[in-house]
Protein backbone atom coordinates (compact mmCIF):
# COMPACT_ATOMS: atom_id res chain seq x y z
CA MET A 1 -15.30 -46.59 147.81
CA MET A 2 -14.03 -45.77 144.33
CA ASP A 3 -17.59 -45.10 143.19
CA TYR A 4 -17.77 -42.36 145.81
CA PHE A 5 -14.48 -40.83 144.66
CA ASN A 6 -15.53 -40.98 141.02
CA GLU A 7 -18.78 -39.16 141.84
CA GLN A 8 -16.91 -36.24 143.47
CA GLY A 9 -15.91 -34.61 140.20
CA TYR A 10 -12.13 -34.56 140.49
CA ASP A 11 -11.86 -33.81 136.78
CA MET A 12 -10.11 -30.52 137.57
CA PHE A 13 -6.97 -32.55 138.25
CA ASP A 14 -4.70 -34.00 135.58
CA VAL A 15 -4.22 -37.15 137.65
CA THR A 16 -5.95 -38.53 140.72
CA ILE A 17 -4.35 -41.19 142.88
CA PHE A 18 -6.26 -42.86 145.67
CA SER A 19 -4.26 -44.92 148.12
CA CYS A 20 -7.14 -47.36 148.61
CA ALA A 21 -7.00 -48.21 144.89
CA GLU A 22 -3.20 -48.34 144.71
CA GLY A 23 -2.45 -50.39 147.79
CA ALA A 24 0.13 -47.81 148.86
CA ARG A 25 -0.08 -44.64 150.90
CA LYS A 26 2.02 -41.76 152.15
CA PRO A 27 4.76 -41.90 153.34
CA GLU A 28 5.47 -45.12 151.37
CA GLN A 29 7.70 -44.10 148.46
CA TRP A 30 5.74 -46.25 146.03
CA ILE A 31 2.80 -43.82 146.09
CA TYR A 32 5.08 -40.94 145.06
CA LYS A 33 6.59 -43.05 142.28
CA ILE A 34 3.08 -43.79 141.00
CA ALA A 35 2.37 -40.05 140.87
CA LEU A 36 5.62 -39.28 139.05
CA ASP A 37 4.94 -42.02 136.53
CA ARG A 38 1.35 -40.98 135.84
CA LEU A 39 2.29 -37.32 135.52
CA GLN A 40 5.33 -38.26 133.41
CA VAL A 41 7.61 -35.91 135.34
CA MET A 42 10.99 -36.18 136.98
CA PRO A 43 11.28 -35.70 140.76
CA ARG A 44 13.26 -32.45 140.31
CA GLU A 45 10.32 -31.06 138.29
CA THR A 46 7.88 -31.75 141.09
CA VAL A 47 6.78 -30.00 144.27
CA PHE A 48 4.97 -31.95 146.98
CA ILE A 49 3.01 -29.97 149.58
CA ASP A 50 1.70 -31.67 152.71
CA ASP A 51 1.04 -30.94 156.37
CA LYS A 52 2.97 -33.93 157.71
CA GLU A 53 6.76 -33.90 158.01
CA GLU A 54 7.10 -37.66 157.42
CA ASN A 55 5.28 -37.35 154.08
CA ILE A 56 7.52 -34.47 153.01
CA ALA A 57 10.63 -36.43 154.04
CA ALA A 58 9.58 -39.40 151.91
CA ALA A 59 9.05 -37.19 148.85
CA VAL A 60 12.35 -35.36 149.39
CA GLY A 61 14.04 -38.77 149.64
CA LEU A 62 13.07 -39.32 146.01
CA GLY A 63 14.37 -35.93 144.89
CA ILE A 64 11.00 -34.16 144.93
CA HIS A 65 10.88 -30.60 146.26
CA GLY A 66 8.94 -30.67 149.53
CA ILE A 67 7.02 -27.92 151.27
CA LEU A 68 5.55 -28.45 154.71
CA PHE A 69 2.18 -26.68 154.73
CA THR A 70 1.47 -24.34 157.62
CA SER A 71 -0.55 -21.65 155.80
CA PRO A 72 -1.42 -20.66 152.23
CA GLY A 73 0.81 -17.58 152.46
CA GLN A 74 3.78 -19.62 153.65
CA VAL A 75 3.36 -22.09 150.77
CA ILE A 76 3.23 -19.25 148.25
CA LYS A 77 6.43 -17.76 149.70
CA GLU A 78 8.21 -21.10 149.54
CA LEU A 79 7.06 -21.73 145.97
CA ILE A 80 8.36 -18.30 144.95
CA ALA A 81 11.67 -19.05 146.69
CA LEU A 82 12.32 -22.17 144.62
CA PRO A 83 15.32 -21.85 142.30
CA VAL A 84 14.40 -20.16 139.00
CA ASN A 85 15.34 -23.21 136.94
CA THR A 86 12.92 -25.30 139.02
CA VAL A 87 10.11 -22.81 138.48
CA LEU A 88 10.81 -22.74 134.74
CA GLU A 89 10.80 -26.54 134.63
CA LEU A 90 7.51 -26.61 136.52
CA GLN A 91 5.94 -24.08 134.16
CA SER A 92 7.05 -25.93 131.05
CA THR A 93 5.83 -29.33 132.21
CA PRO A 94 2.62 -30.28 130.35
């Protein structure tokens, strides 16, 4: 399975995390902790966007900003509505 994922050209992403390789999946908090660790960011510096409420709730439980996806426009509005200090932190994170 990982050969397939590696062939897909996910090099546009800083980090890729595949639940089948990690032995954890959403909404298990361990998968979010893996992401935070690999990205070297704090939960408050992070926004998690998903279309399932239980996955958002798990991320929010760790202190990650969560946005429940319903449409691209809605996500953009919610990102813009984040507190300014959060947006500045997000922009300054390498």
